[in-house]
């Protein structure tokens, strides 16, 4: 069969060559077996510090059993959107549990955190609205603001936000931020943001993807830690594939907010519901995360130990009290070299480069878990101390 089109109509070869030239090439690797600190990747046994499984729940047998029960009851898929026959008691019970956990009137399930952010921002904002967005927000929030066709105002920190709010003309709008910034690990000052939002008659949306399960009373997130809840003009986005170890996301807020999303949010209306079996497994993960405080205690002990020992070794960590511990390296090439040296020592650590982070701020993104042992962290520290770029 003859190909009537040009061999490369999308200019793919040039695009890929440009990625390779700036040392930004990404490569998928096959992990065999379940999530665990000790993994097999492409046949190599490695100690992993790349997982977002902060509480060590992804391989918990109780979740496996709940998923199995759900599959026996409902089968393996929802087979339709929530509005066309895909909604089940399992979904509804999970939404109720999530709302209760974070102190909201209602919650609404989504397939991914990306979709949840697209849904809540695009459904709430539009032409004529102003969205104040932290410059370090996740890509899903950046894309969501673009798609909303609202006016975007980016800010660096609270001081910069105050200046920009002072110049803001009255009108509809909101502030949107990560709760914990995924590449830096620091916690957003949500209490300050809530005060600014109230003073300027704005809403506030917090994406708590990396905080839910880890921060706040019973792991309810950054809002709970700040003695706030997703009510009134505050909405919360939480993901289920990180500390909870499963898949999916939710938006929590007032009953009116959730009903507005059901009626108008395109990523909700036009998407197949997550499998009911997954909803049952997630409900079990929520129960465990709320009840088993020792998981958060152990994680915080690991974070404190790692940071204290790293400081003693002279390692230049970014300020972070969360499971995300970035070590800035610099250039793309130096970052990749550091990750490869660790790999040869049997350690799997993420190398993050632009455009995920600013140019010149390539880093090792070290993530800790309650499932790690102190001996695992000591092994990592010993290897980090041998890296020329950080020990100089």
Protein backbone atom coordinates (compact mmCIF):
# COMPACT_ATOMS: atom_id res chain seq x y z
CA UNK A 1 0.00 0.00 0.00
CA UNK A 2 1.43 3.38 -1.00
CA UNK A 3 1.83 6.07 1.65
CA UNK A 4 0.36 9.22 0.09
CA UNK A 5 1.60 11.46 2.91
CA UNK A 6 5.05 12.91 3.51
CA UNK A 7 7.24 10.52 5.51
CA UNK A 8 7.37 12.91 8.48
CA UNK A 9 4.40 15.31 8.22
CA UNK A 10 4.50 16.11 11.96
CA UNK A 11 8.23 16.94 11.96
CA UNK A 12 8.77 14.25 14.57
CA UNK A 13 12.43 13.54 13.84
CA UNK A 14 13.41 17.16 14.41
CA UNK A 15 11.40 17.32 17.62
CA UNK A 16 12.97 14.15 18.99
CA UNK A 17 16.46 15.31 17.99
CA UNK A 18 15.93 18.54 19.92
CA UNK A 19 14.91 16.61 23.04
CA UNK A 20 18.00 14.41 22.78
CA UNK A 21 20.31 17.37 22.19
CA UNK A 22 19.34 19.06 25.45
CA UNK A 23 19.81 15.84 27.47
CA UNK A 24 16.11 15.71 28.24
CA UNK A 25 15.33 12.27 26.81
CA UNK A 26 12.92 10.19 28.90
CA UNK A 27 12.87 6.43 28.90
CA UNK A 28 10.23 4.04 30.18
CA UNK A 29 11.55 1.07 32.13
CA UNK A 30 9.68 -2.08 33.01
CA UNK A 31 9.20 -2.81 36.71
CA UNK A 32 8.42 -6.41 37.53
CA UNK A 33 6.22 -7.28 40.48
CA UNK A 34 4.31 -5.11 42.98
CA UNK A 35 5.24 -1.71 44.40
CA UNK A 36 7.88 -2.19 47.07
CA UNK A 37 11.05 -0.43 48.23
CA UNK A 38 12.96 -3.39 46.78
CA UNK A 39 12.04 -3.76 43.12
CA UNK A 40 13.20 -5.41 39.93
CA UNK A 41 13.58 -3.02 36.99
CA UNK A 42 14.60 -4.44 33.63
CA UNK A 43 15.83 -7.48 35.53
CA UNK A 44 18.02 -5.48 37.95
CA UNK A 45 17.37 -5.59 41.70
CA UNK A 46 17.14 -2.02 43.00
CA UNK A 47 16.28 -0.13 46.17
CA UNK A 48 13.67 2.38 45.07
CA UNK A 49 13.28 6.01 46.09
CA UNK A 50 11.01 7.05 43.20
CA UNK A 51 7.59 5.86 44.34
CA UNK A 52 4.79 8.14 45.57
CA UNK A 53 3.49 5.27 47.71
CA UNK A 54 4.15 7.35 50.82
CA UNK A 55 2.24 5.17 53.30
CA UNK A 56 3.24 1.82 51.82
CA UNK A 57 -0.34 0.89 50.87
CA UNK A 58 0.03 0.02 47.18
CA UNK A 59 0.88 -3.61 47.93
CA UNK A 60 -1.30 -4.02 51.01
CA UNK A 61 -3.15 -7.34 50.88
CA UNK A 62 -6.30 -5.76 52.34
CA UNK A 63 -6.62 -3.59 49.25
CA UNK A 64 -6.08 -6.61 47.00
CA UNK A 65 -8.81 -8.49 48.84
CA UNK A 66 -11.23 -5.54 48.59
CA UNK A 67 -10.56 -5.22 44.85
CA UNK A 68 -11.11 -8.95 44.39
CA UNK A 69 -14.45 -8.78 46.23
CA UNK A 70 -15.47 -5.85 44.08
CA UNK A 71 -14.60 -7.68 40.87
CA UNK A 72 -16.68 -10.65 41.99
CA UNK A 73 -19.66 -8.34 42.59
CA UNK A 74 -19.36 -5.85 39.73
CA UNK A 75 -16.94 -7.33 37.20
CA UNK A 76 -13.79 -5.56 36.09
CA UNK A 77 -15.15 -2.35 34.56
CA UNK A 78 -17.89 0.26 34.97
CA UNK A 79 -18.70 0.08 31.22
CA UNK A 80 -20.31 3.55 31.14
CA UNK A 81 -20.02 7.09 32.43
CA UNK A 82 -21.49 7.94 35.82
CA UNK A 83 -24.42 9.69 34.11
CA UNK A 84 -25.23 6.81 31.77
CA UNK A 85 -25.38 3.76 34.01
CA UNK A 86 -21.80 3.53 35.32
CA UNK A 87 -22.50 4.88 38.81
CA UNK A 88 -22.75 2.22 41.56
CA UNK A 89 -23.17 2.04 45.34
CA UNK A 90 -19.41 1.45 45.56
CA UNK A 91 -18.71 4.81 43.91
CA UNK A 92 -21.23 6.59 46.08
CA UNK A 93 -19.91 5.09 49.31
CA UNK A 94 -16.36 6.09 48.40
CA UNK A 95 -17.42 9.67 47.63
CA UNK A 96 -19.16 9.86 51.02
CA UNK A 97 -16.07 8.51 52.77
CA UNK A 98 -13.76 10.99 51.03
CA UNK A 99 -16.04 13.93 51.85
CA UNK A 100 -16.18 12.89 55.50
CA UNK A 101 -12.39 12.53 55.65
CA UNK A 102 -11.61 16.04 54.38
CA UNK A 103 -14.59 17.77 56.01
CA UNK A 104 -16.56 18.58 52.86
CA UNK A 105 -20.27 18.41 52.14
CA UNK A 106 -19.72 16.26 49.06
CA UNK A 107 -16.99 14.75 46.90
CA UNK A 108 -16.90 13.69 43.26
CA UNK A 109 -14.73 10.92 41.76
CA UNK A 110 -12.53 11.28 38.67
CA UNK A 111 -10.30 8.84 36.81
CA UNK A 112 -7.08 10.84 37.34
CA UNK A 113 -5.82 13.90 39.13
CA UNK A 114 -5.15 15.54 35.77
CA UNK A 115 -8.82 15.16 34.86
CA UNK A 116 -9.99 16.41 38.25
CA UNK A 117 -7.93 19.58 37.91
CA UNK A 118 -9.10 20.15 34.34
CA UNK A 119 -12.68 19.66 35.48
CA UNK A 120 -12.78 21.97 38.46
CA UNK A 121 -10.82 24.84 36.87
CA UNK A 122 -12.51 24.81 33.47
CA UNK A 123 -15.97 24.38 34.97
CA UNK A 124 -15.54 27.27 37.41
CA UNK A 125 -13.59 29.80 35.34
CA UNK A 126 -14.18 31.35 31.95
CA UNK A 127 -13.82 34.47 29.87
CA UNK A 128 -13.63 37.55 32.06
CA UNK A 129 -12.45 35.63 35.11
CA UNK A 130 -8.98 36.04 36.66
CA UNK A 131 -7.05 33.06 37.99
CA UNK A 132 -4.05 33.67 40.27
CA UNK A 133 -1.77 30.69 39.86
CA UNK A 134 1.46 29.72 41.60
CA UNK A 135 4.31 29.46 39.09
CA UNK A 136 5.25 26.00 40.40
CA UNK A 137 1.80 24.45 40.02
CA UNK A 138 1.43 21.01 38.46
CA UNK A 139 1.13 20.84 34.67
CA UNK A 140 -2.52 19.83 34.96
CA UNK A 141 -3.39 23.11 36.69
CA UNK A 142 -1.39 25.12 34.16
CA UNK A 143 -3.18 23.38 31.29
CA UNK A 144 -6.54 23.79 33.01
CA UNK A 145 -6.16 27.56 33.30
CA UNK A 146 -5.16 27.74 29.64
CA UNK A 147 -8.23 25.75 28.58
CA UNK A 148 -10.52 27.85 30.77
CA UNK A 149 -9.75 30.91 28.60
CA UNK A 150 -9.58 33.03 31.73
CA UNK A 151 -6.96 35.68 32.48
CA UNK A 152 -3.94 34.05 34.13
CA UNK A 153 -1.87 35.93 36.71
CA UNK A 154 1.16 33.97 37.91
CA UNK A 155 2.79 34.64 41.27
CA UNK A 156 6.03 33.45 42.89
CA UNK A 157 5.23 33.68 46.61
CA UNK A 158 2.81 35.32 49.02
CA UNK A 159 4.55 38.70 48.77
CA UNK A 160 4.30 38.65 45.00
CA UNK A 161 0.66 37.53 45.25
CA UNK A 162 -0.19 40.42 47.57
CA UNK A 163 1.23 42.87 45.05
CA UNK A 164 -0.72 41.35 42.19
CA UNK A 165 -3.93 41.18 44.21
CA UNK A 166 -3.59 44.87 45.08
CA UNK A 167 -3.62 45.67 41.37
CA UNK A 168 -6.57 43.36 40.70
CA UNK A 169 -9.77 45.00 39.54
CA UNK A 170 -12.98 43.64 41.03
CA UNK A 171 -14.50 40.67 39.25
CA UNK A 172 -14.83 36.92 39.33
CA UNK A 173 -11.76 34.83 40.02
CA UNK A 174 -9.89 32.46 42.29
CA UNK A 175 -6.45 31.44 43.53
CA UNK A 176 -5.20 27.97 42.61
CA UNK A 177 -2.20 26.20 44.12
CA UNK A 178 -0.60 22.86 44.83
CA UNK A 179 -0.85 21.94 48.51
CA UNK A 180 2.59 20.30 48.38
CA UNK A 181 4.70 21.22 45.37
CA UNK A 182 5.57 18.00 43.61
CA UNK A 183 9.13 18.86 42.55
CA UNK A 184 10.18 20.88 45.62
CA UNK A 185 8.32 19.17 48.46
CA UNK A 186 7.44 22.37 50.31
CA UNK A 187 3.95 23.10 51.62
CA UNK A 188 1.90 26.00 50.30
CA UNK A 189 0.82 28.62 52.88
CA UNK A 190 -2.85 27.75 52.43
CA UNK A 191 -3.97 29.67 55.53
CA UNK A 192 -2.52 32.88 54.06
CA UNK A 193 -4.01 32.10 50.66
CA UNK A 194 -7.43 31.58 52.21
CA UNK A 195 -7.20 34.97 53.95
CA UNK A 196 -6.19 36.69 50.70
CA UNK A 197 -8.99 34.98 48.82
CA UNK A 198 -11.57 36.06 51.37
CA UNK A 199 -10.30 39.65 51.49
CA UNK A 200 -10.51 39.99 47.71
CA UNK A 201 -13.77 38.02 47.26
CA UNK A 202 -12.01 35.22 45.40
CA UNK A 203 -12.28 31.45 45.57
CA UNK A 204 -9.44 29.09 46.48
CA UNK A 205 -8.63 25.72 44.89
CA UNK A 206 -5.97 23.50 46.48
CA UNK A 207 -4.55 20.45 44.70
CA UNK A 208 -3.51 18.20 47.60
CA UNK A 209 -2.13 15.34 45.52
CA UNK A 210 1.05 14.94 47.57
CA UNK A 211 -0.44 15.92 50.94
CA UNK A 212 -3.51 13.71 51.22
CA UNK A 213 -2.81 10.83 53.59
CA UNK A 214 0.44 12.40 54.81
CA UNK A 215 -0.24 15.87 56.23
CA UNK A 216 -2.84 17.10 58.69
CA UNK A 217 -5.02 15.34 61.28
CA UNK A 218 -5.65 11.74 60.13
CA UNK A 219 -3.83 12.66 56.91
CA UNK A 220 -6.69 14.90 55.74
CA UNK A 221 -4.30 17.29 53.97
CA UNK A 222 -3.00 20.84 54.02
CA UNK A 223 -6.39 22.45 54.56
CA UNK A 224 -7.02 20.33 57.66
CA UNK A 225 -3.56 21.16 58.98
CA UNK A 226 -4.45 24.86 58.61
CA UNK A 227 -7.79 24.29 60.39
CA UNK A 228 -9.68 24.87 57.14
CA UNK A 229 -12.05 22.69 55.15
CA UNK A 230 -13.33 22.59 51.56
CA UNK A 231 -16.46 24.62 52.23
CA UNK A 232 -17.68 28.04 51.22
CA UNK A 233 -15.29 29.37 48.59
CA UNK A 234 -12.67 26.63 49.03
CA UNK A 235 -12.38 23.51 46.87
CA UNK A 236 -9.99 20.60 47.38
CA UNK A 237 -8.58 18.22 44.78
CA UNK A 238 -7.12 14.96 46.05
CA UNK A 239 -5.50 12.11 44.16
CA UNK A 240 -5.79 8.47 45.12
CA UNK A 241 -2.74 7.04 43.36
CA UNK A 242 -0.09 8.37 45.71
CA UNK A 243 -0.36 7.92 49.49
CA UNK A 244 -3.49 5.77 49.06
CA UNK A 245 -1.72 3.46 46.64
CA UNK A 246 -4.56 3.00 44.12
CA UNK A 247 -5.79 5.16 41.20
CA UNK A 248 -8.07 8.10 40.56
CA UNK A 249 -8.91 11.45 42.12
CA UNK A 250 -11.71 13.51 43.59
CA UNK A 251 -12.91 17.05 44.06
CA UNK A 252 -14.39 17.98 47.44
CA UNK A 253 -16.41 21.03 48.34
CA UNK A 254 -19.93 22.28 48.91
CA UNK A 255 -22.96 20.42 47.63
CA UNK A 256 -23.52 23.19 45.07
CA UNK A 257 -19.95 22.93 43.80
CA UNK A 258 -20.20 19.18 43.27
CA UNK A 259 -23.58 19.49 41.57
CA UNK A 260 -22.14 22.16 39.26
CA UNK A 261 -19.33 19.79 38.29
CA UNK A 262 -21.76 16.95 37.64
CA UNK A 263 -23.80 19.19 35.36
CA UNK A 264 -21.06 21.10 33.52
CA UNK A 265 -17.56 19.60 33.89
CA UNK A 266 -16.70 17.95 30.57
CA UNK A 267 -13.99 15.62 32.00
CA UNK A 268 -16.71 14.19 34.27
CA UNK A 269 -19.68 14.09 31.88
CA UNK A 270 -17.78 12.47 29.02
CA UNK A 271 -15.65 9.87 30.80
CA UNK A 272 -16.27 6.25 31.77
CA UNK A 273 -16.46 5.75 35.53
CA UNK A 274 -13.57 4.03 37.29
CA UNK A 275 -14.20 0.31 37.96
CA UNK A 276 -16.45 -0.26 40.99
CA UNK A 277 -13.92 -2.80 42.24
CA UNK A 278 -11.34 -0.02 42.34
CA UNK A 279 -13.79 2.11 44.34
CA UNK A 280 -14.07 -0.65 46.95
CA UNK A 281 -10.28 -1.00 47.16
CA UNK A 282 -9.94 2.77 47.49
CA UNK A 283 -12.49 2.88 50.29
CA UNK A 284 -10.39 0.32 52.14
CA UNK A 285 -7.27 2.44 51.53
CA UNK A 286 -9.06 5.49 52.97
CA UNK A 287 -10.07 3.52 56.04
CA UNK A 288 -6.52 2.32 56.63
CA UNK A 289 -4.95 5.72 55.98
CA UNK A 290 -7.25 7.40 58.49
CA UNK A 291 -6.90 4.72 61.18
CA UNK A 292 -3.24 3.66 61.06
CA UNK A 293 -1.46 6.74 62.36
CA UNK A 294 1.75 4.76 62.79
CA UNK A 295 2.31 4.96 59.04
CA UNK A 296 2.50 8.76 59.11
CA UNK A 297 4.61 8.65 62.28
CA UNK A 298 7.10 6.28 60.66
CA UNK A 299 7.25 8.38 57.49
CA UNK A 300 7.94 11.55 59.47
CA UNK A 301 10.68 9.75 61.41
CA UNK A 302 12.26 8.71 58.12
CA UNK A 303 12.11 12.27 56.79
CA UNK A 304 13.70 13.69 59.95
CA UNK A 305 16.45 11.04 59.94
CA UNK A 306 17.23 11.57 56.26
CA UNK A 307 17.44 15.35 56.57
CA UNK A 308 19.56 15.27 59.73
CA UNK A 309 22.04 12.80 58.25
CA UNK A 310 22.12 14.62 54.91
CA UNK A 311 22.95 17.90 56.68
CA UNK A 312 25.75 16.17 58.59
CA UNK A 313 27.16 14.97 55.26
CA UNK A 314 26.93 18.45 53.75
CA UNK A 315 24.31 17.49 51.18
CA UNK A 316 22.44 20.52 49.83
CA UNK A 317 18.79 19.55 50.17
CA UNK A 318 15.91 21.88 49.42
CA UNK A 319 13.81 22.84 52.48
CA UNK A 320 11.04 20.26 52.69
CA UNK A 321 9.20 18.57 55.57
CA UNK A 322 7.38 16.15 53.27
CA UNK A 323 8.20 12.80 51.67
CA UNK A 324 9.58 14.64 48.61
CA UNK A 325 13.25 15.50 49.21
CA UNK A 326 14.87 17.24 46.21
CA UNK A 327 18.61 17.44 45.78
CA UNK A 328 19.44 20.15 43.20
CA UNK A 329 22.22 19.09 40.81
CA UNK A 330 22.12 21.69 38.03
CA UNK A 331 22.61 20.78 34.40
CA UNK A 332 20.69 18.03 32.66
CA UNK A 333 23.84 16.07 31.97
CA UNK A 334 25.09 16.26 35.57
CA UNK A 335 21.65 15.24 36.85
CA UNK A 336 21.54 12.20 34.59
CA UNK A 337 25.10 11.26 35.52
CA UNK A 338 24.23 11.39 39.22
CA UNK A 339 21.18 9.18 38.72
CA UNK A 340 23.21 6.68 36.68
CA UNK A 341 25.91 6.50 39.35
CA UNK A 342 23.24 5.71 41.94
CA UNK A 343 21.77 3.11 39.59
CA UNK A 344 25.10 1.36 39.37
CA UNK A 345 25.11 1.29 43.18
CA UNK A 346 21.73 -0.46 43.12
CA UNK A 347 19.58 2.60 43.89
CA UNK A 348 16.66 3.89 41.85
CA UNK A 349 16.30 7.67 42.21
CA UNK A 350 14.36 9.97 39.87
CA UNK A 351 16.26 12.45 37.69
CA UNK A 352 14.01 15.45 37.00
CA UNK A 353 14.92 17.92 34.26
CA UNK A 354 13.32 20.83 32.40
CA UNK A 355 10.61 21.51 31.42
CA UNK A 356 9.35 19.83 34.61
CA UNK A 357 11.65 22.16 36.59
CA UNK A 358 13.28 25.48 35.56
CA UNK A 359 16.39 25.44 33.38
CA UNK A 360 19.57 24.82 35.36
CA UNK A 361 17.66 23.26 38.26
CA UNK A 362 17.86 19.59 37.35
CA UNK A 363 17.51 17.51 40.49
CA UNK A 364 17.34 14.14 42.10
CA UNK A 365 13.77 13.78 43.35
CA UNK A 366 14.10 11.49 46.35
CA UNK A 367 10.83 10.17 47.76
CA UNK A 368 10.58 8.42 51.11
CA UNK A 369 7.96 5.95 52.27
CA UNK A 370 6.75 4.43 55.50
CA UNK A 371 7.67 1.12 53.86
CA UNK A 372 11.39 1.96 53.88
CA UNK A 373 13.69 0.80 56.66
CA UNK A 374 16.32 3.00 58.30
CA UNK A 375 18.97 0.74 56.77
CA UNK A 376 17.55 1.57 53.32
CA UNK A 377 17.93 5.29 53.99
CA UNK A 378 21.46 4.84 55.34
CA UNK A 379 22.39 3.03 52.14
CA UNK A 380 21.02 5.91 50.07
CA UNK A 381 22.88 8.51 52.12
CA UNK A 382 26.18 6.66 51.75
CA UNK A 383 25.75 6.58 47.97
CA UNK A 384 24.73 10.25 47.76
CA UNK A 385 27.84 11.25 49.70
CA UNK A 386 29.98 9.64 46.97
CA UNK A 387 28.51 11.71 44.15
CA UNK A 388 31.15 14.21 42.95
CA UNK A 389 28.58 16.87 42.15
CA UNK A 390 27.13 16.98 45.67
CA UNK A 391 30.18 16.15 47.79
CA UNK A 392 32.41 18.86 46.34
